[in-house]
């Protein structure tokens, strides 16, 4: 997915009258513009940066959903979930836990990681291989389980 795909999705959402999608996509476009300014970047936003940005937004949505659930605000939970679903479409197809476990095993063998102190090396190896197709929290959890 590219920045242009996000712009096109916003146009489609506006044409169809989907206010939830339009709102979520506007936030994503705003985050892209902010990141471009922050990085002093001109032109097209790279796919890797877009994936990273979407992952951060998904993490924020999950945190918001948890907070709203704890506060008993089911109406806001549903709104956040719907917006998160719109943004999720801009992530590459996510790997299953079994696929990530296979990459974790490969990472441990390749890096020679033998204990929790070597977690960083193994996580770095895995994250380079999954490139946005798995959440960092899952990778960290699986590496920690294997190294304990």
N, C-alpha and C. Protein backbone atom coordinates (compact mmCIF):
# COMPACT_ATOMS: atom_id res chain seq x y z
N UNK A 1 0.83 -1.18 0.00
CA UNK A 1 0.00 0.00 0.00
C UNK A 1 0.88 1.25 0.00
N UNK A 2 0.40 2.26 -0.69
CA UNK A 2 1.15 3.50 -0.77
C UNK A 2 0.31 4.66 -0.25
N UNK A 3 0.95 5.80 -0.15
CA UNK A 3 0.25 7.01 0.28
C UNK A 3 -0.90 7.33 -0.67
N UNK A 4 -0.70 7.10 -1.96
CA UNK A 4 -1.75 7.35 -2.95
C UNK A 4 -2.95 6.44 -2.71
N UNK A 5 -2.69 5.20 -2.30
CA UNK A 5 -3.77 4.27 -1.99
C UNK A 5 -4.63 4.79 -0.83
N UNK A 6 -3.98 5.40 0.14
CA UNK A 6 -4.71 5.97 1.28
C UNK A 6 -5.58 7.13 0.79
N UNK A 7 -5.02 8.00 -0.05
CA UNK A 7 -5.78 9.12 -0.61
C UNK A 7 -6.98 8.61 -1.41
N UNK A 8 -6.76 7.59 -2.23
CA UNK A 8 -7.85 7.02 -3.03
C UNK A 8 -8.93 6.40 -2.15
N UNK A 9 -8.50 5.73 -1.08
CA UNK A 9 -9.46 5.13 -0.16
C UNK A 9 -10.31 6.21 0.51
N UNK A 10 -9.70 7.35 0.84
CA UNK A 10 -10.45 8.46 1.43
C UNK A 10 -11.49 8.98 0.44
N UNK A 11 -11.09 9.15 -0.81
CA UNK A 11 -12.04 9.61 -1.83
C UNK A 11 -13.21 8.65 -1.95
N UNK A 12 -12.92 7.35 -1.96
CA UNK A 12 -13.98 6.34 -2.05
C UNK A 12 -14.91 6.40 -0.84
N UNK A 13 -14.32 6.57 0.34
CA UNK A 13 -15.12 6.65 1.57
C UNK A 13 -16.03 7.88 1.55
N UNK A 14 -15.51 8.99 1.06
CA UNK A 14 -16.31 10.21 0.98
C UNK A 14 -17.44 10.05 -0.03
N UNK A 15 -17.13 9.43 -1.16
CA UNK A 15 -18.17 9.22 -2.18
C UNK A 15 -19.29 8.31 -1.68
N UNK A 16 -18.90 7.29 -0.92
CA UNK A 16 -19.90 6.33 -0.43
C UNK A 16 -20.60 6.80 0.84
N UNK A 17 -20.10 7.87 1.44
CA UNK A 17 -20.73 8.40 2.65
C UNK A 17 -20.34 7.65 3.91
N UNK A 18 -19.26 6.90 3.87
CA UNK A 18 -18.79 6.14 5.03
C UNK A 18 -18.00 7.07 5.95
N UNK A 19 -18.69 7.63 6.94
CA UNK A 19 -18.08 8.62 7.82
C UNK A 19 -16.99 8.01 8.70
N UNK A 20 -17.17 6.78 9.14
CA UNK A 20 -16.17 6.14 9.99
C UNK A 20 -14.86 5.95 9.23
N UNK A 21 -14.96 5.42 8.01
CA UNK A 21 -13.76 5.20 7.19
C UNK A 21 -13.11 6.54 6.86
N UNK A 22 -13.91 7.52 6.51
CA UNK A 22 -13.37 8.84 6.18
C UNK A 22 -12.61 9.43 7.37
N UNK A 23 -13.17 9.30 8.55
CA UNK A 23 -12.52 9.82 9.75
C UNK A 23 -11.18 9.12 10.00
N UNK A 24 -11.18 7.81 9.92
CA UNK A 24 -9.96 7.04 10.16
C UNK A 24 -8.89 7.36 9.11
N UNK A 25 -9.31 7.47 7.86
CA UNK A 25 -8.36 7.75 6.78
C UNK A 25 -7.81 9.17 6.88
N UNK A 26 -8.64 10.10 7.31
CA UNK A 26 -8.15 11.47 7.51
C UNK A 26 -7.07 11.50 8.60
N UNK A 27 -7.29 10.71 9.65
CA UNK A 27 -6.28 10.65 10.71
C UNK A 27 -4.98 10.05 10.19
N UNK A 28 -5.09 9.02 9.35
CA UNK A 28 -3.90 8.41 8.78
C UNK A 28 -3.17 9.38 7.87
N UNK A 29 -3.89 10.10 7.04
CA UNK A 29 -3.29 11.10 6.14
C UNK A 29 -2.62 12.20 6.96
N UNK A 30 -3.27 12.62 8.02
CA UNK A 30 -2.70 13.63 8.89
C UNK A 30 -1.40 13.13 9.52
N UNK A 31 -1.40 11.88 9.96
CA UNK A 31 -0.19 11.30 10.57
C UNK A 31 0.94 11.20 9.54
N UNK A 32 0.59 10.88 8.30
CA UNK A 32 1.60 10.81 7.23
C UNK A 32 2.21 12.19 7.01
N UNK A 33 1.35 13.20 6.91
CA UNK A 33 1.85 14.57 6.69
C UNK A 33 2.73 15.02 7.84
N UNK A 34 2.31 14.72 9.05
CA UNK A 34 3.10 15.09 10.23
C UNK A 34 4.46 14.40 10.19
N UNK A 35 4.47 13.12 9.86
CA UNK A 35 5.72 12.35 9.81
C UNK A 35 6.64 12.89 8.71
N UNK A 36 6.06 13.29 7.58
CA UNK A 36 6.87 13.86 6.50
C UNK A 36 7.53 15.16 6.95
N UNK A 37 6.78 15.98 7.65
CA UNK A 37 7.33 17.24 8.16
C UNK A 37 8.42 16.95 9.19
N UNK A 38 8.13 16.01 10.07
CA UNK A 38 9.08 15.64 11.12
C UNK A 38 10.39 15.13 10.52
N UNK A 39 10.30 14.36 9.44
CA UNK A 39 11.49 13.78 8.81
C UNK A 39 12.05 14.66 7.69
N UNK A 40 11.43 15.81 7.48
CA UNK A 40 11.82 16.71 6.39
C UNK A 40 11.86 15.98 5.05
N UNK A 41 10.85 15.15 4.85
CA UNK A 41 10.79 14.32 3.65
C UNK A 41 9.86 14.95 2.62
N UNK A 42 10.27 14.90 1.38
CA UNK A 42 9.44 15.43 0.29
C UNK A 42 9.08 14.29 -0.63
N UNK A 43 7.98 14.43 -1.34
CA UNK A 43 7.58 13.40 -2.29
C UNK A 43 6.80 12.29 -1.63
N UNK A 44 6.83 11.12 -2.26
CA UNK A 44 6.05 9.97 -1.82
C UNK A 44 6.59 9.39 -0.51
N UNK A 45 5.69 8.99 0.33
CA UNK A 45 6.00 8.37 1.62
C UNK A 45 6.33 6.91 1.35
N UNK A 46 7.46 6.40 1.83
CA UNK A 46 7.86 5.02 1.53
C UNK A 46 6.88 4.02 2.15
N UNK A 47 6.78 2.86 1.49
CA UNK A 47 5.88 1.81 1.96
C UNK A 47 6.27 1.34 3.36
N UNK A 48 7.57 1.22 3.63
CA UNK A 48 8.02 0.77 4.95
C UNK A 48 7.60 1.76 6.04
N UNK A 49 7.72 3.04 5.75
CA UNK A 49 7.32 4.04 6.74
C UNK A 49 5.81 4.03 6.94
N UNK A 50 5.06 3.79 5.86
CA UNK A 50 3.61 3.71 5.96
C UNK A 50 3.21 2.54 6.85
N UNK A 51 3.82 1.39 6.64
CA UNK A 51 3.52 0.21 7.46
C UNK A 51 3.84 0.49 8.92
N UNK A 52 4.98 1.09 9.17
CA UNK A 52 5.37 1.41 10.54
C UNK A 52 4.37 2.37 11.19
N UNK A 53 3.96 3.37 10.44
CA UNK A 53 3.00 4.35 10.94
C UNK A 53 1.64 3.70 11.23
N UNK A 54 1.20 2.84 10.33
CA UNK A 54 -0.08 2.15 10.54
C UNK A 54 0.01 1.25 11.78
N UNK A 55 1.14 0.57 11.97
CA UNK A 55 1.30 -0.28 13.15
C UNK A 55 1.20 0.54 14.43
N UNK A 56 1.80 1.72 14.43
CA UNK A 56 1.73 2.59 15.61
C UNK A 56 0.29 3.03 15.87
N UNK A 57 -0.42 3.34 14.78
CA UNK A 57 -1.82 3.76 14.94
C UNK A 57 -2.67 2.61 15.48
N UNK A 58 -2.43 1.39 14.99
CA UNK A 58 -3.18 0.22 15.46
C UNK A 58 -2.92 0.02 16.95
N UNK A 59 -1.68 0.18 17.36
CA UNK A 59 -1.34 0.04 18.78
C UNK A 59 -2.11 1.07 19.61
N UNK A 60 -2.17 2.31 19.12
CA UNK A 60 -2.92 3.36 19.83
C UNK A 60 -4.41 3.02 19.90
N UNK A 61 -4.95 2.51 18.78
CA UNK A 61 -6.36 2.12 18.79
C UNK A 61 -6.61 1.05 19.84
N UNK A 62 -5.75 0.04 19.91
CA UNK A 62 -5.92 -1.04 20.88
C UNK A 62 -5.87 -0.50 22.31
N UNK A 63 -4.94 0.43 22.55
CA UNK A 63 -4.85 1.02 23.89
C UNK A 63 -6.11 1.82 24.22
N UNK A 64 -6.62 2.55 23.24
CA UNK A 64 -7.85 3.33 23.44
C UNK A 64 -9.03 2.41 23.72
N UNK A 65 -9.12 1.34 22.97
CA UNK A 65 -10.21 0.39 23.15
C UNK A 65 -10.17 -0.18 24.57
N UNK A 66 -8.98 -0.54 25.02
CA UNK A 66 -8.84 -1.08 26.38
C UNK A 66 -9.28 -0.05 27.42
N UNK A 67 -8.86 1.21 27.23
CA UNK A 67 -9.24 2.26 28.17
C UNK A 67 -10.76 2.48 28.19
N UNK A 68 -11.35 2.50 27.00
CA UNK A 68 -12.80 2.72 26.92
C UNK A 68 -13.57 1.55 27.52
N UNK A 69 -13.06 0.32 27.32
CA UNK A 69 -13.71 -0.85 27.93
C UNK A 69 -13.65 -0.75 29.45
N UNK A 70 -12.48 -0.36 29.97
CA UNK A 70 -12.34 -0.21 31.42
C UNK A 70 -13.26 0.89 31.96
N UNK A 71 -13.52 1.90 31.14
CA UNK A 71 -14.38 3.00 31.56
C UNK A 71 -15.86 2.76 31.28
N UNK A 72 -16.17 1.60 30.69
CA UNK A 72 -17.57 1.26 30.41
C UNK A 72 -18.18 2.06 29.27
N UNK A 73 -17.37 2.53 28.34
CA UNK A 73 -17.86 3.33 27.20
C UNK A 73 -17.93 2.46 25.95
N UNK A 74 -18.90 1.58 25.90
CA UNK A 74 -19.04 0.63 24.78
C UNK A 74 -19.25 1.34 23.45
N UNK A 75 -19.91 2.50 23.46
CA UNK A 75 -20.13 3.24 22.23
C UNK A 75 -18.80 3.66 21.60
N UNK A 76 -17.87 4.12 22.43
CA UNK A 76 -16.56 4.52 21.93
C UNK A 76 -15.70 3.32 21.56
N UNK A 77 -15.89 2.20 22.26
CA UNK A 77 -15.16 0.97 21.92
C UNK A 77 -15.51 0.56 20.49
N UNK A 78 -16.79 0.57 20.16
CA UNK A 78 -17.23 0.18 18.82
C UNK A 78 -16.69 1.13 17.76
N UNK A 79 -16.72 2.41 18.04
CA UNK A 79 -16.22 3.41 17.10
C UNK A 79 -14.73 3.19 16.83
N UNK A 80 -13.96 2.99 17.89
CA UNK A 80 -12.52 2.76 17.74
C UNK A 80 -12.25 1.47 16.96
N UNK A 81 -13.02 0.43 17.25
CA UNK A 81 -12.83 -0.84 16.54
C UNK A 81 -13.11 -0.69 15.04
N UNK A 82 -14.17 0.02 14.71
CA UNK A 82 -14.51 0.23 13.31
C UNK A 82 -13.42 1.01 12.59
N UNK A 83 -12.91 2.05 13.23
CA UNK A 83 -11.84 2.84 12.62
C UNK A 83 -10.56 2.00 12.49
N UNK A 84 -10.28 1.19 13.49
CA UNK A 84 -9.09 0.34 13.44
C UNK A 84 -9.18 -0.65 12.27
N UNK A 85 -10.37 -1.18 12.02
CA UNK A 85 -10.56 -2.11 10.90
C UNK A 85 -10.24 -1.44 9.56
N UNK A 86 -10.59 -0.18 9.43
CA UNK A 86 -10.30 0.57 8.19
C UNK A 86 -8.79 0.68 8.01
N UNK A 87 -8.08 1.03 9.07
CA UNK A 87 -6.63 1.23 9.01
C UNK A 87 -5.90 -0.09 8.81
N UNK A 88 -6.43 -1.18 9.37
CA UNK A 88 -5.78 -2.49 9.25
C UNK A 88 -5.59 -2.91 7.79
N UNK A 89 -6.44 -2.42 6.91
CA UNK A 89 -6.35 -2.80 5.50
C UNK A 89 -5.06 -2.32 4.86
N UNK A 90 -4.36 -1.40 5.51
CA UNK A 90 -3.13 -0.87 4.94
C UNK A 90 -1.88 -1.59 5.46
N UNK A 91 -2.09 -2.66 6.23
CA UNK A 91 -0.98 -3.49 6.66
C UNK A 91 -0.85 -4.68 5.71
N UNK A 92 0.37 -5.18 5.53
CA UNK A 92 0.52 -6.40 4.73
C UNK A 92 -0.17 -7.56 5.45
N UNK A 93 -0.44 -8.64 4.74
CA UNK A 93 -1.07 -9.81 5.34
C UNK A 93 -0.23 -10.26 6.52
N UNK A 94 -0.88 -10.40 7.66
CA UNK A 94 -0.16 -10.73 8.89
C UNK A 94 0.17 -12.23 8.94
N UNK A 95 1.33 -12.53 9.48
CA UNK A 95 1.76 -13.91 9.64
C UNK A 95 1.04 -14.53 10.83
N UNK A 96 0.81 -15.81 10.75
CA UNK A 96 0.22 -16.53 11.87
C UNK A 96 1.27 -16.77 12.95
N UNK A 97 0.82 -17.12 14.13
CA UNK A 97 1.74 -17.34 15.24
C UNK A 97 2.72 -18.47 14.94
N UNK A 98 2.26 -19.52 14.25
CA UNK A 98 3.14 -20.63 13.91
C UNK A 98 4.26 -20.19 12.97
N UNK A 99 3.91 -19.32 12.01
CA UNK A 99 4.93 -18.80 11.08
C UNK A 99 5.97 -17.98 11.83
N UNK A 100 5.52 -17.18 12.77
CA UNK A 100 6.44 -16.36 13.55
C UNK A 100 7.32 -17.25 14.42
N UNK A 101 6.74 -18.31 14.98
CA UNK A 101 7.53 -19.24 15.80
C UNK A 101 8.66 -19.86 14.98
N UNK A 102 8.37 -20.19 13.73
CA UNK A 102 9.39 -20.76 12.85
C UNK A 102 10.53 -19.77 12.64
N UNK A 103 10.18 -18.51 12.41
CA UNK A 103 11.20 -17.47 12.21
C UNK A 103 11.98 -17.24 13.50
N UNK A 104 11.31 -17.33 14.65
CA UNK A 104 11.98 -17.17 15.94
C UNK A 104 13.00 -18.29 16.13
N UNK A 105 12.62 -19.53 15.80
CA UNK A 105 13.55 -20.65 15.91
C UNK A 105 14.77 -20.43 15.02
N UNK A 106 14.52 -19.97 13.80
CA UNK A 106 15.60 -19.66 12.86
C UNK A 106 16.51 -18.56 13.43
N UNK A 107 15.90 -17.56 14.04
CA UNK A 107 16.66 -16.44 14.61
C UNK A 107 17.56 -16.91 15.74
N UNK A 108 17.06 -17.76 16.58
CA UNK A 108 17.83 -18.25 17.72
C UNK A 108 19.03 -19.06 17.23
N UNK A 109 18.81 -19.89 16.21
CA UNK A 109 19.92 -20.67 15.65
C UNK A 109 20.94 -19.76 14.97
N UNK A 110 20.46 -18.82 14.18
CA UNK A 110 21.35 -17.95 13.40
C UNK A 110 22.17 -16.99 14.26
N UNK A 111 21.55 -16.47 15.32
CA UNK A 111 22.24 -15.49 16.16
C UNK A 111 23.01 -16.13 17.30
N UNK A 112 22.74 -17.40 17.55
CA UNK A 112 23.40 -18.08 18.66
C UNK A 112 22.87 -17.63 20.02
N UNK A 113 21.67 -17.09 20.02
CA UNK A 113 21.06 -16.62 21.27
C UNK A 113 20.85 -17.81 22.20
N UNK A 114 21.25 -17.64 23.47
CA UNK A 114 21.16 -18.77 24.40
C UNK A 114 20.39 -18.43 25.67
N UNK A 115 20.08 -17.19 25.88
CA UNK A 115 19.36 -16.81 27.09
C UNK A 115 18.67 -15.48 26.92
N UNK A 116 18.00 -15.05 27.95
CA UNK A 116 17.24 -13.80 27.91
C UNK A 116 18.14 -12.61 27.58
N UNK A 117 19.41 -12.69 27.97
CA UNK A 117 20.33 -11.59 27.69
C UNK A 117 20.56 -11.39 26.19
N UNK A 118 20.28 -12.41 25.39
CA UNK A 118 20.45 -12.34 23.94
C UNK A 118 19.15 -12.03 23.20
N UNK A 119 18.12 -11.68 23.94
CA UNK A 119 16.81 -11.42 23.33
C UNK A 119 16.87 -10.36 22.24
N UNK A 120 17.60 -9.29 22.48
CA UNK A 120 17.68 -8.18 21.53
C UNK A 120 18.15 -8.62 20.16
N UNK A 121 19.20 -9.47 20.13
CA UNK A 121 19.73 -9.96 18.85
C UNK A 121 18.67 -10.76 18.10
N UNK A 122 18.00 -11.64 18.82
CA UNK A 122 17.00 -12.50 18.20
C UNK A 122 15.80 -11.69 17.71
N UNK A 123 15.34 -10.75 18.52
CA UNK A 123 14.20 -9.92 18.12
C UNK A 123 14.54 -9.09 16.89
N UNK A 124 15.73 -8.53 16.87
CA UNK A 124 16.15 -7.74 15.71
C UNK A 124 16.14 -8.60 14.44
N UNK A 125 16.66 -9.81 14.54
CA UNK A 125 16.69 -10.73 13.41
C UNK A 125 15.27 -11.02 12.91
N UNK A 126 14.38 -11.33 13.85
CA UNK A 126 12.99 -11.65 13.48
C UNK A 126 12.29 -10.44 12.85
N UNK A 127 12.44 -9.27 13.46
CA UNK A 127 11.76 -8.07 12.95
C UNK A 127 12.22 -7.71 11.55
N UNK A 128 13.49 -7.97 11.23
CA UNK A 128 13.97 -7.73 9.88
C UNK A 128 13.32 -8.68 8.89
N UNK A 129 12.99 -9.89 9.34
CA UNK A 129 12.39 -10.89 8.46
C UNK A 129 10.88 -10.68 8.27
N UNK A 130 10.20 -10.22 9.30
CA UNK A 130 8.74 -10.10 9.21
C UNK A 130 8.28 -8.79 8.60
N UNK A 131 9.07 -7.73 8.68
CA UNK A 131 8.80 -6.43 8.04
C UNK A 131 7.32 -6.03 8.05
N UNK A 132 6.77 -5.82 9.23
CA UNK A 132 5.41 -5.33 9.34
C UNK A 132 4.33 -6.40 9.24
N UNK A 133 4.73 -7.66 9.11
CA UNK A 133 3.73 -8.72 8.98
C UNK A 133 3.43 -9.40 10.31
N UNK A 134 4.04 -8.88 11.40
CA UNK A 134 3.77 -9.40 12.74
C UNK A 134 4.02 -8.27 13.73
N UNK A 135 3.26 -8.27 14.81
CA UNK A 135 3.41 -7.23 15.83
C UNK A 135 4.65 -7.49 16.66
N UNK A 136 5.29 -6.40 17.05
CA UNK A 136 6.49 -6.50 17.88
C UNK A 136 6.23 -7.19 19.21
N UNK A 137 5.06 -6.97 19.77
CA UNK A 137 4.71 -7.59 21.05
C UNK A 137 4.67 -9.11 20.95
N UNK A 138 4.12 -9.61 19.85
CA UNK A 138 4.06 -11.06 19.63
C UNK A 138 5.47 -11.61 19.47
N UNK A 139 6.28 -10.94 18.67
CA UNK A 139 7.66 -11.38 18.43
C UNK A 139 8.42 -11.43 19.76
N UNK A 140 8.31 -10.36 20.54
CA UNK A 140 9.00 -10.29 21.83
C UNK A 140 8.56 -11.43 22.75
N UNK A 141 7.26 -11.66 22.80
CA UNK A 141 6.71 -12.73 23.67
C UNK A 141 7.25 -14.09 23.26
N UNK A 142 7.24 -14.37 21.95
CA UNK A 142 7.68 -15.68 21.47
C UNK A 142 9.19 -15.88 21.67
N UNK A 143 9.97 -14.84 21.44
CA UNK A 143 11.42 -14.94 21.65
C UNK A 143 11.70 -15.19 23.14
N UNK A 144 11.03 -14.46 23.99
CA UNK A 144 11.25 -14.60 25.43
C UNK A 144 10.89 -16.02 25.89
N UNK A 145 9.77 -16.56 25.38
CA UNK A 145 9.37 -17.93 25.74
C UNK A 145 10.43 -18.94 25.34
N UNK A 146 10.98 -18.76 24.14
CA UNK A 146 11.98 -19.71 23.64
C UNK A 146 13.30 -19.63 24.39
N UNK A 147 13.65 -18.43 24.84
CA UNK A 147 14.96 -18.25 25.47
C UNK A 147 14.94 -18.48 26.98
N UNK A 148 13.79 -18.65 27.58
CA UNK A 148 13.73 -18.88 29.03
C UNK A 148 13.91 -20.34 29.34
